[in-house]
């Protein structure tokens, strides 16, 4: 066998998999892992930012978010402080299989 030179995927099959319970659970599990990692690396003053980080299900997708007003400043920084890039680092961590 020479190996795989290409893969053709039927969109209807992908659509069916998207709604499969095991796939939905894997999506939420990954979001929860992201939430846990983001909370682990989050800076803590009062704990409000860290405690606001949560995993949310949105249709066939899930996301890790913080809804506190100062979350963008923690992520991207200000002219007075460097950004902590909590969500960027979390994404890197998840993409590396938890090794980043």
PDB file of N, CA and C in Angstrom:
ATOM      1  N   UNK A   1       0.838  -1.175   0.000  1.00  0.00           N
ATOM      2  CA  UNK A   1       0.000   0.000   0.000  1.00  0.00           C
ATOM      3  C   UNK A   1       0.882   1.236   0.000  1.00  0.00           C
ATOM      4  N   UNK A   2       0.590   2.160  -0.871  1.00  0.00           N
ATOM      5  CA  UNK A   2       1.402   3.361  -1.024  1.00  0.00           C
ATOM      6  C   UNK A   2       1.084   4.443  -0.011  1.00  0.00           C
ATOM      7  N   UNK A   3       0.032   4.304   0.728  1.00  0.00           N
ATOM      8  CA  UNK A   3      -0.354   5.317   1.699  1.00  0.00           C
ATOM      9  C   UNK A   3      -1.532   6.128   1.208  1.00  0.00           C
ATOM     10  N   UNK A   4      -2.028   6.975   2.053  1.00  0.00           N
ATOM     11  CA  UNK A   4      -3.185   7.797   1.725  1.00  0.00           C
ATOM     12  C   UNK A   4      -2.713   9.055   1.013  1.00  0.00           C
ATOM     13  N   UNK A   5      -3.309   9.320  -0.138  1.00  0.00           N
ATOM     14  CA  UNK A   5      -2.958  10.530  -0.879  1.00  0.00           C
ATOM     15  C   UNK A   5      -4.044  11.592  -0.780  1.00  0.00           C
ATOM     16  N   UNK A   6      -5.208  11.222  -0.269  1.00  0.00           N
ATOM     17  CA  UNK A   6      -6.285  12.188  -0.121  1.00  0.00           C
ATOM     18  C   UNK A   6      -7.465  11.565   0.583  1.00  0.00           C
ATOM     19  N   UNK A   7      -8.297  12.399   1.119  1.00  0.00           N
ATOM     20  CA  UNK A   7      -9.496  11.936   1.806  1.00  0.00           C
ATOM     21  C   UNK A   7     -10.673  12.739   1.278  1.00  0.00           C
ATOM     22  N   UNK A   8     -11.731  12.047   0.960  1.00  0.00           N
ATOM     23  CA  UNK A   8     -12.952  12.710   0.527  1.00  0.00           C
ATOM     24  C   UNK A   8     -14.006  12.483   1.602  1.00  0.00           C
ATOM     25  N   UNK A   9     -14.558  13.554   2.122  1.00  0.00           N
ATOM     26  CA  UNK A   9     -15.543  13.448   3.184  1.00  0.00           C
ATOM     27  C   UNK A   9     -16.898  13.930   2.674  1.00  0.00           C
ATOM     28  N   UNK A  10     -17.893  13.171   2.950  1.00  0.00           N
ATOM     29  CA  UNK A  10     -19.263  13.522   2.584  1.00  0.00           C
ATOM     30  C   UNK A  10     -19.799  14.485   3.646  1.00  0.00           C
ATOM     31  N   UNK A  11     -20.216  15.667   3.241  1.00  0.00           N
ATOM     32  CA  UNK A  11     -20.711  16.671   4.188  1.00  0.00           C
ATOM     33  C   UNK A  11     -21.902  16.173   5.003  1.00  0.00           C
ATOM     34  N   UNK A  12     -22.735  15.317   4.431  1.00  0.00           N
ATOM     35  CA  UNK A  12     -23.889  14.812   5.185  1.00  0.00           C
ATOM     36  C   UNK A  12     -23.427  13.918   6.331  1.00  0.00           C
ATOM     37  N   UNK A  13     -22.339  13.197   6.125  1.00  0.00           N
ATOM     38  CA  UNK A  13     -21.789  12.365   7.197  1.00  0.00           C
ATOM     39  C   UNK A  13     -21.229  13.259   8.300  1.00  0.00           C
ATOM     40  N   UNK A  14     -20.505  14.297   7.909  1.00  0.00           N
ATOM     41  CA  UNK A  14     -19.965  15.229   8.905  1.00  0.00           C
ATOM     42  C   UNK A  14     -21.087  15.899   9.694  1.00  0.00           C
ATOM     43  N   UNK A  15     -22.148  16.278   9.017  1.00  0.00           N
ATOM     44  CA  UNK A  15     -23.292  16.912   9.681  1.00  0.00           C
ATOM     45  C   UNK A  15     -23.926  15.956  10.693  1.00  0.00           C
ATOM     46  N   UNK A  16     -24.043  14.680  10.307  1.00  0.00           N
ATOM     47  CA  UNK A  16     -24.621  13.680  11.214  1.00  0.00           C
ATOM     48  C   UNK A  16     -23.722  13.470  12.435  1.00  0.00           C
ATOM     49  N   UNK A  17     -22.417  13.440  12.221  1.00  0.00           N
ATOM     50  CA  UNK A  17     -21.486  13.262  13.336  1.00  0.00           C
ATOM     51  C   UNK A  17     -21.531  14.445  14.290  1.00  0.00           C
ATOM     52  N   UNK A  18     -21.706  15.630  13.733  1.00  0.00           N
ATOM     53  CA  UNK A  18     -21.733  16.853  14.520  1.00  0.00           C
ATOM     54  C   UNK A  18     -22.754  16.787  15.656  1.00  0.00           C
ATOM     55  N   UNK A  19     -23.902  16.181  15.396  1.00  0.00           N
ATOM     56  CA  UNK A  19     -24.941  16.099  16.414  1.00  0.00           C
ATOM     57  C   UNK A  19     -24.900  14.841  17.251  1.00  0.00           C
ATOM     58  N   UNK A  20     -23.948  13.948  16.990  1.00  0.00           N
ATOM     59  CA  UNK A  20     -23.852  12.691  17.739  1.00  0.00           C
ATOM     60  C   UNK A  20     -23.495  12.974  19.194  1.00  0.00           C
ATOM     61  N   UNK A  21     -24.129  12.268  20.086  1.00  0.00           N
ATOM     62  CA  UNK A  21     -23.952  12.494  21.529  1.00  0.00           C
ATOM     63  C   UNK A  21     -22.492  12.402  21.961  1.00  0.00           C
ATOM     64  N   UNK A  22     -21.758  11.427  21.450  1.00  0.00           N
ATOM     65  CA  UNK A  22     -20.352  11.267  21.842  1.00  0.00           C
ATOM     66  C   UNK A  22     -19.509  12.450  21.371  1.00  0.00           C
ATOM     67  N   UNK A  23     -19.812  12.969  20.195  1.00  0.00           N
ATOM     68  CA  UNK A  23     -19.085  14.129  19.679  1.00  0.00           C
ATOM     69  C   UNK A  23     -19.414  15.355  20.519  1.00  0.00           C
ATOM     70  N   UNK A  24     -20.690  15.545  20.829  1.00  0.00           N
ATOM     71  CA  UNK A  24     -21.103  16.670  21.665  1.00  0.00           C
ATOM     72  C   UNK A  24     -20.426  16.606  23.035  1.00  0.00           C
ATOM     73  N   UNK A  25     -20.328  15.398  23.598  1.00  0.00           N
ATOM     74  CA  UNK A  25     -19.672  15.236  24.895  1.00  0.00           C
ATOM     75  C   UNK A  25     -18.187  15.558  24.797  1.00  0.00           C
ATOM     76  N   UNK A  26     -17.550  15.133  23.710  1.00  0.00           N
ATOM     77  CA  UNK A  26     -16.119  15.423  23.518  1.00  0.00           C
ATOM     78  C   UNK A  26     -15.886  16.927  23.390  1.00  0.00           C
ATOM     79  N   UNK A  27     -16.779  17.623  22.701  1.00  0.00           N
ATOM     80  CA  UNK A  27     -16.668  19.077  22.559  1.00  0.00           C
ATOM     81  C   UNK A  27     -16.767  19.739  23.935  1.00  0.00           C
ATOM     82  N   UNK A  28     -17.740  19.334  24.721  1.00  0.00           N
ATOM     83  CA  UNK A  28     -17.915  19.932  26.048  1.00  0.00           C
ATOM     84  C   UNK A  28     -16.768  19.550  26.976  1.00  0.00           C
ATOM     85  N   UNK A  29     -16.299  18.315  26.902  1.00  0.00           N
ATOM     86  CA  UNK A  29     -15.156  17.892  27.721  1.00  0.00           C
ATOM     87  C   UNK A  29     -13.928  18.761  27.426  1.00  0.00           C
ATOM     88  N   UNK A  30     -13.702  19.033  26.149  1.00  0.00           N
ATOM     89  CA  UNK A  30     -12.561  19.865  25.757  1.00  0.00           C
ATOM     90  C   UNK A  30     -12.718  21.279  26.293  1.00  0.00           C
ATOM     91  N   UNK A  31     -13.918  21.835  26.199  1.00  0.00           N
ATOM     92  CA  UNK A  31     -14.167  23.171  26.738  1.00  0.00           C
ATOM     93  C   UNK A  31     -13.943  23.197  28.250  1.00  0.00           C
ATOM     94  N   UNK A  32     -14.363  22.161  28.936  1.00  0.00           N
ATOM     95  CA  UNK A  32     -14.170  22.102  30.387  1.00  0.00           C
ATOM     96  C   UNK A  32     -12.690  21.973  30.739  1.00  0.00           C
ATOM     97  N   UNK A  33     -11.934  21.242  29.947  1.00  0.00           N
ATOM     98  CA  UNK A  33     -10.484  21.167  30.156  1.00  0.00           C
ATOM     99  C   UNK A  33      -9.861  22.547  29.962  1.00  0.00           C
ATOM    100  N   UNK A  34     -10.344  23.257  28.946  1.00  0.00           N
ATOM    101  CA  UNK A  34      -9.863  24.612  28.718  1.00  0.00           C
ATOM    102  C   UNK A  34     -10.197  25.533  29.873  1.00  0.00           C
ATOM    103  N   UNK A  35     -11.411  25.426  30.371  1.00  0.00           N
ATOM    104  CA  UNK A  35     -11.824  26.228  31.531  1.00  0.00           C
ATOM    105  C   UNK A  35     -10.904  25.964  32.718  1.00  0.00           C
ATOM    106  N   UNK A  36     -10.655  24.700  32.990  1.00  0.00           N
ATOM    107  CA  UNK A  36      -9.821  24.339  34.137  1.00  0.00           C
ATOM    108  C   UNK A  36      -8.397  24.877  33.987  1.00  0.00           C
ATOM    109  N   UNK A  37      -7.850  24.768  32.774  1.00  0.00           N
ATOM    110  CA  UNK A  37      -6.497  25.271  32.554  1.00  0.00           C
ATOM    111  C   UNK A  37      -6.461  26.797  32.670  1.00  0.00           C
ATOM    112  N   UNK A  38      -7.438  27.470  32.073  1.00  0.00           N
ATOM    113  CA  UNK A  38      -7.485  28.934  32.149  1.00  0.00           C
ATOM    114  C   UNK A  38      -7.586  29.393  33.600  1.00  0.00           C
ATOM    115  N   UNK A  39      -8.391  28.715  34.376  1.00  0.00           N
ATOM    116  CA  UNK A  39      -8.504  29.070  35.800  1.00  0.00           C
ATOM    117  C   UNK A  39      -7.184  28.823  36.527  1.00  0.00           C
ATOM    118  N   UNK A  40      -6.483  27.767  36.149  1.00  0.00           N
ATOM    119  CA  UNK A  40      -5.215  27.421  36.779  1.00  0.00           C
ATOM    120  C   UNK A  40      -4.157  28.497  36.533  1.00  0.00           C
ATOM    121  N   UNK A  41      -4.123  29.052  35.315  1.00  0.00           N
ATOM    122  CA  UNK A  41      -3.087  30.043  34.985  1.00  0.00           C
ATOM    123  C   UNK A  41      -3.536  31.486  35.183  1.00  0.00           C
ATOM    124  N   UNK A  42      -4.801  31.691  35.521  1.00  0.00           N
ATOM    125  CA  UNK A  42      -5.332  33.049  35.669  1.00  0.00           C
ATOM    126  C   UNK A  42      -4.691  33.763  36.852  1.00  0.00           C
ATOM    127  N   UNK A  43      -4.385  35.050  36.679  1.00  0.00           N
ATOM    128  CA  UNK A  43      -3.888  35.820  37.812  1.00  0.00           C
ATOM    129  C   UNK A  43      -5.015  36.004  38.835  1.00  0.00           C
ATOM    130  N   UNK A  44      -4.630  36.045  40.086  1.00  0.00           N
ATOM    131  CA  UNK A  44      -5.640  36.155  41.147  1.00  0.00           C
ATOM    132  C   UNK A  44      -5.318  37.340  42.042  1.00  0.00           C
ATOM    133  N   UNK A  45      -6.263  38.258  42.115  1.00  0.00           N
ATOM    134  CA  UNK A  45      -6.199  39.340  43.087  1.00  0.00           C
ATOM    135  C   UNK A  45      -7.345  39.088  44.057  1.00  0.00           C
ATOM    136  N   UNK A  46      -8.559  39.293  43.582  1.00  0.00           N
ATOM    137  CA  UNK A  46      -9.735  38.988  44.402  1.00  0.00           C
ATOM    138  C   UNK A  46     -10.296  37.602  44.072  1.00  0.00           C
ATOM    139  N   UNK A  47      -9.914  37.048  42.927  1.00  0.00           N
ATOM    140  CA  UNK A  47     -10.453  35.764  42.481  1.00  0.00           C
ATOM    141  C   UNK A  47     -11.663  35.924  41.575  1.00  0.00           C
ATOM    142  N   UNK A  48     -12.132  37.145  41.418  1.00  0.00           N
ATOM    143  CA  UNK A  48     -13.332  37.383  40.606  1.00  0.00           C
ATOM    144  C   UNK A  48     -13.114  36.996  39.137  1.00  0.00           C
ATOM    145  N   UNK A  49     -11.973  37.374  38.573  1.00  0.00           N
ATOM    146  CA  UNK A  49     -11.674  37.027  37.180  1.00  0.00           C
ATOM    147  C   UNK A  49     -11.574  35.508  37.019  1.00  0.00           C
ATOM    148  N   UNK A  50     -10.757  34.894  37.835  1.00  0.00           N
ATOM    149  CA  UNK A  50     -10.579  33.434  37.757  1.00  0.00           C
ATOM    150  C   UNK A  50     -11.910  32.706  37.881  1.00  0.00           C
ATOM    151  N   UNK A  51     -12.708  33.106  38.853  1.00  0.00           N
ATOM    152  CA  UNK A  51     -13.975  32.431  39.106  1.00  0.00           C
ATOM    153  C   UNK A  51     -15.014  32.685  38.012  1.00  0.00           C
ATOM    154  N   UNK A  52     -14.800  33.730  37.205  1.00  0.00           N
ATOM    155  CA  UNK A  52     -15.756  34.031  36.130  1.00  0.00           C
ATOM    156  C   UNK A  52     -15.518  33.195  34.877  1.00  0.00           C
ATOM    157  N   UNK A  53     -14.389  32.534  34.800  1.00  0.00           N
ATOM    158  CA  UNK A  53     -14.064  31.737  33.612  1.00  0.00           C
ATOM    159  C   UNK A  53     -14.926  30.481  33.614  1.00  0.00           C
ATOM    160  N   UNK A  54     -15.666  30.299  32.528  1.00  0.00           N
ATOM    161  CA  UNK A  54     -16.554  29.138  32.452  1.00  0.00           C
ATOM    162  C   UNK A  54     -16.613  28.578  31.032  1.00  0.00           C
ATOM    163  N   UNK A  55     -17.045  27.339  30.945  1.00  0.00           N
ATOM    164  CA  UNK A  55     -17.282  26.673  29.659  1.00  0.00           C
ATOM    165  C   UNK A  55     -18.771  26.768  29.376  1.00  0.00           C
ATOM    166  N   UNK A  56     -19.086  27.213  28.160  1.00  0.00           N
ATOM    167  CA  UNK A  56     -20.488  27.345  27.767  1.00  0.00           C
ATOM    168  C   UNK A  56     -20.751  26.561  26.498  1.00  0.00           C
ATOM    169  N   UNK A  57     -21.880  25.882  26.465  1.00  0.00           N
ATOM    170  CA  UNK A  57     -22.338  25.170  25.274  1.00  0.00           C
ATOM    171  C   UNK A  57     -23.172  26.124  24.453  1.00  0.00           C
ATOM    172  N   UNK A  58     -22.911  26.134  23.145  1.00  0.00           N
ATOM    173  CA  UNK A  58     -23.646  27.012  22.237  1.00  0.00           C
ATOM    174  C   UNK A  58     -23.956  26.217  20.970  1.00  0.00           C
ATOM    175  N   UNK A  59     -25.119  25.567  20.957  1.00  0.00           N
ATOM    176  CA  UNK A  59     -25.471  24.727  19.810  1.00  0.00           C
ATOM    177  C   UNK A  59     -24.529  23.544  19.711  1.00  0.00           C
ATOM    178  N   UNK A  60     -23.865  23.409  18.578  1.00  0.00           N
ATOM    179  CA  UNK A  60     -22.912  22.320  18.373  1.00  0.00           C
ATOM    180  C   UNK A  60     -21.495  22.721  18.767  1.00  0.00           C
ATOM    181  N   UNK A  61     -21.350  23.875  19.367  1.00  0.00           N
ATOM    182  CA  UNK A  61     -20.044  24.378  19.752  1.00  0.00           C
ATOM    183  C   UNK A  61     -20.012  24.637  21.254  1.00  0.00           C
ATOM    184  N   UNK A  62     -18.809  24.795  21.764  1.00  0.00           N
ATOM    185  CA  UNK A  62     -18.629  25.186  23.156  1.00  0.00           C
ATOM    186  C   UNK A  62     -17.529  26.233  23.183  1.00  0.00           C
ATOM    187  N   UNK A  63     -17.554  27.066  24.199  1.00  0.00           N
ATOM    188  CA  UNK A  63     -16.548  28.116  24.309  1.00  0.00           C
ATOM    189  C   UNK A  63     -16.152  28.309  25.761  1.00  0.00           C
ATOM    190  N   UNK A  64     -14.960  28.845  25.946  1.00  0.00           N
ATOM    191  CA  UNK A  64     -14.462  29.183  27.275  1.00  0.00           C
ATOM    192  C   UNK A  64     -14.451  30.700  27.340  1.00  0.00           C
ATOM    193  N   UNK A  65     -15.135  31.268  28.325  1.00  0.00           N
ATOM    194  CA  UNK A  65     -15.328  32.715  28.381  1.00  0.00           C
ATOM    195  C   UNK A  65     -15.176  33.245  29.801  1.00  0.00           C
ATOM    196  N   UNK A  66     -14.986  34.551  29.865  1.00  0.00           N
ATOM    197  CA  UNK A  66     -15.083  35.293  31.117  1.00  0.00           C
ATOM    198  C   UNK A  66     -15.937  36.510  30.828  1.00  0.00           C
ATOM    199  N   UNK A  67     -16.896  36.783  31.688  1.00  0.00           N
ATOM    200  CA  UNK A  67     -17.785  37.914  31.443  1.00  0.00           C
ATOM    201  C   UNK A  67     -17.541  39.104  32.382  1.00  0.00           C
ATOM    202  N   UNK A  68     -16.421  39.116  33.073  1.00  0.00           N
ATOM    203  CA  UNK A  68     -16.125  40.281  33.910  1.00  0.00           C
ATOM    204  C   UNK A  68     -15.623  41.426  33.031  1.00  0.00           C
ATOM    205  N   UNK A  69     -15.881  42.629  33.469  1.00  0.00           N
ATOM    206  CA  UNK A  69     -15.540  43.824  32.678  1.00  0.00           C
ATOM    207  C   UNK A  69     -14.050  43.932  32.353  1.00  0.00           C
ATOM    208  N   UNK A  70     -13.207  43.488  33.251  1.00  0.00           N
ATOM    209  CA  UNK A  70     -11.770  43.666  33.035  1.00  0.00           C
ATOM    210  C   UNK A  70     -11.100  42.497  32.312  1.00  0.00           C
ATOM    211  N   UNK A  71     -11.863  41.519  31.853  1.00  0.00           N
ATOM    212  CA  UNK A  71     -11.282  40.372  31.139  1.00  0.00           C
ATOM    213  C   UNK A  71     -10.453  40.777  29.910  1.00  0.00           C
ATOM    214  N   UNK A  72     -10.927  41.718  29.072  1.00  0.00           N
ATOM    215  CA  UNK A  72     -10.100  42.106  27.916  1.00  0.00           C
ATOM    216  C   UNK A  72      -8.749  42.716  28.323  1.00  0.00           C
ATOM    217  N   UNK A  73      -8.730  43.425  29.453  1.00  0.00           N
ATOM    218  CA  UNK A  73      -7.489  44.031  29.907  1.00  0.00           C
ATOM    219  C   UNK A  73      -6.510  42.966  30.402  1.00  0.00           C
ATOM    220  N   UNK A  74      -7.039  41.936  31.056  1.00  0.00           N
ATOM    221  CA  UNK A  74      -6.189  40.830  31.496  1.00  0.00           C
ATOM    222  C   UNK A  74      -5.622  40.110  30.272  1.00  0.00           C
ATOM    223  N   UNK A  75      -6.459  39.884  29.276  1.00  0.00           N
ATOM    224  CA  UNK A  75      -6.030  39.158  28.079  1.00  0.00           C
ATOM    225  C   UNK A  75      -5.028  39.952  27.249  1.00  0.00           C
ATOM    226  N   UNK A  76      -5.369  41.196  26.928  1.00  0.00           N
ATOM    227  CA  UNK A  76      -4.583  41.965  25.967  1.00  0.00           C
ATOM    228  C   UNK A  76      -3.671  43.025  26.582  1.00  0.00           C
ATOM    229  N   UNK A  77      -3.893  43.339  27.840  1.00  0.00           N
ATOM    230  CA  UNK A  77      -3.071  44.332  28.511  1.00  0.00           C
ATOM    231  C   UNK A  77      -3.589  45.744  28.307  1.00  0.00           C
ATOM    232  N   UNK A  78      -2.871  46.668  28.894  1.00  0.00           N
ATOM    233  CA  UNK A  78      -3.160  48.105  28.756  1.00  0.00           C
ATOM    234  C   UNK A  78      -1.814  48.797  28.574  1.00  0.00           C
ATOM    235  N   UNK A  79      -1.845  50.103  28.501  1.00  0.00           N
ATOM    236  CA  UNK A  79      -0.560  50.805  28.381  1.00  0.00           C
ATOM    237  C   UNK A  79       0.245  50.707  29.676  1.00  0.00           C
ATOM    238  N   UNK A  80      -0.412  50.261  30.753  1.00  0.00           N
ATOM    239  CA  UNK A  80       0.256  50.160  32.056  1.00  0.00           C
ATOM    240  C   UNK A  80       0.657  48.731  32.439  1.00  0.00           C
ATOM    241  N   UNK A  81       0.135  47.751  31.707  1.00  0.00           N
ATOM    242  CA  UNK A  81       0.469  46.359  32.059  1.00  0.00           C
ATOM    243  C   UNK A  81       0.443  45.484  30.817  1.00  0.00           C
ATOM    244  N   UNK A  82       1.262  44.476  30.842  1.00  0.00           N
ATOM    245  CA  UNK A  82       1.303  43.498  29.759  1.00  0.00           C
ATOM    246  C   UNK A  82       0.076  42.601  29.833  1.00  0.00           C
ATOM    247  N   UNK A  83      -0.372  42.159  28.693  1.00  0.00           N
ATOM    248  CA  UNK A  83      -1.464  41.196  28.663  1.00  0.00           C
ATOM    249  C   UNK A  83      -1.007  39.842  29.179  1.00  0.00           C
ATOM    250  N   UNK A  84      -1.912  39.125  29.806  1.00  0.00           N
ATOM    251  CA  UNK A  84      -1.606  37.798  30.337  1.00  0.00           C
ATOM    252  C   UNK A  84      -1.917  36.692  29.318  1.00  0.00           C
ATOM    253  N   UNK A  85      -2.728  37.008  28.315  1.00  0.00           N
ATOM    254  CA  UNK A  85      -3.063  36.076  27.226  1.00  0.00           C
ATOM    255  C   UNK A  85      -3.570  34.730  27.749  1.00  0.00           C
ATOM    256  N   UNK A  86      -4.447  34.794  28.723  1.00  0.00           N
ATOM    257  CA  UNK A  86      -4.973  33.586  29.355  1.00  0.00           C
ATOM    258  C   UNK A  86      -5.681  32.695  28.339  1.00  0.00           C
ATOM    259  N   UNK A  87      -6.546  33.283  27.517  1.00  0.00           N
ATOM    260  CA  UNK A  87      -7.296  32.469  26.557  1.00  0.00           C
ATOM    261  C   UNK A  87      -6.417  32.031  25.385  1.00  0.00           C
ATOM    262  N   UNK A  88      -5.493  32.873  24.984  1.00  0.00           N
ATOM    263  CA  UNK A  88      -4.548  32.480  23.939  1.00  0.00           C
ATOM    264  C   UNK A  88      -3.670  31.324  24.390  1.00  0.00           C
ATOM    265  N   UNK A  89      -3.170  31.396  25.609  1.00  0.00           N
ATOM    266  CA  UNK A  89      -2.340  30.321  26.163  1.00  0.00           C
ATOM    267  C   UNK A  89      -3.153  29.049  26.368  1.00  0.00           C
ATOM    268  N   UNK A  90      -4.431  29.221  26.736  1.00  0.00           N
ATOM    269  CA  UNK A  90      -5.305  28.063  26.913  1.00  0.00           C
ATOM    270  C   UNK A  90      -5.524  27.362  25.576  1.00  0.00           C
ATOM    271  N   UNK A  91      -5.763  28.135  24.531  1.00  0.00           N
ATOM    272  CA  UNK A  91      -5.935  27.546  23.205  1.00  0.00           C
ATOM    273  C   UNK A  91      -4.676  26.801  22.778  1.00  0.00           C
ATOM    274  N   UNK A  92      -3.511  27.391  22.999  1.00  0.00           N
ATOM    275  CA  UNK A  92      -2.256  26.717  22.684  1.00  0.00           C
ATOM    276  C   UNK A  92      -2.132  25.407  23.459  1.00  0.00           C
ATOM    277  N   UNK A  93      -2.513  25.439  24.718  1.00  0.00           N
ATOM    278  CA  UNK A  93      -2.456  24.260  25.576  1.00  0.00           C
ATOM    279  C   UNK A  93      -3.352  23.149  25.027  1.00  0.00           C
ATOM    280  N   UNK A  94      -4.572  23.499  24.645  1.00  0.00           N
ATOM    281  CA  UNK A  94      -5.503  22.501  24.112  1.00  0.00           C
ATOM    282  C   UNK A  94      -5.033  21.972  22.772  1.00  0.00           C
ATOM    283  N   UNK A  95      -4.519  22.835  21.912  1.00  0.00           N
ATOM    284  CA  UNK A  95      -4.056  22.416  20.595  1.00  0.00           C
ATOM    285  C   UNK A  95      -2.860  21.474  20.683  1.00  0.00           C
ATOM    286  N   UNK A  96      -2.078  21.610  21.741  1.00  0.00           N
ATOM    287  CA  UNK A  96      -0.903  20.749  21.903  1.00  0.00           C
ATOM    288  C   UNK A  96      -1.242  19.455  22.643  1.00  0.00           C
ATOM    289  N   UNK A  97      -2.505  19.246  22.908  1.00  0.00           N
ATOM    290  CA  UNK A  97      -2.894  18.040  23.635  1.00  0.00           C
ATOM    291  C   UNK A  97      -2.600  18.131  25.117  1.00  0.00           C
ATOM    292  N   UNK A  98      -2.519  19.340  25.634  1.00  0.00           N
ATOM    293  CA  UNK A  98      -2.284  19.529  27.067  1.00  0.00           C
ATOM    294  C   UNK A  98      -0.819  19.564  27.424  1.00  0.00           C
ATOM    295  N   UNK A  99       0.066  19.807  26.444  1.00  0.00           N
ATOM    296  CA  UNK A  99       1.507  19.796  26.698  1.00  0.00           C
ATOM    297  C   UNK A  99       2.140  21.171  26.707  1.00  0.00           C
ATOM    298  N   UNK A 100       1.361  22.205  26.369  1.00  0.00           N
ATOM    299  CA  UNK A 100       1.945  23.557  26.299  1.00  0.00           C
ATOM    300  C   UNK A 100       2.056  24.190  27.664  1.00  0.00           C
TER     301      UNK A 100
END
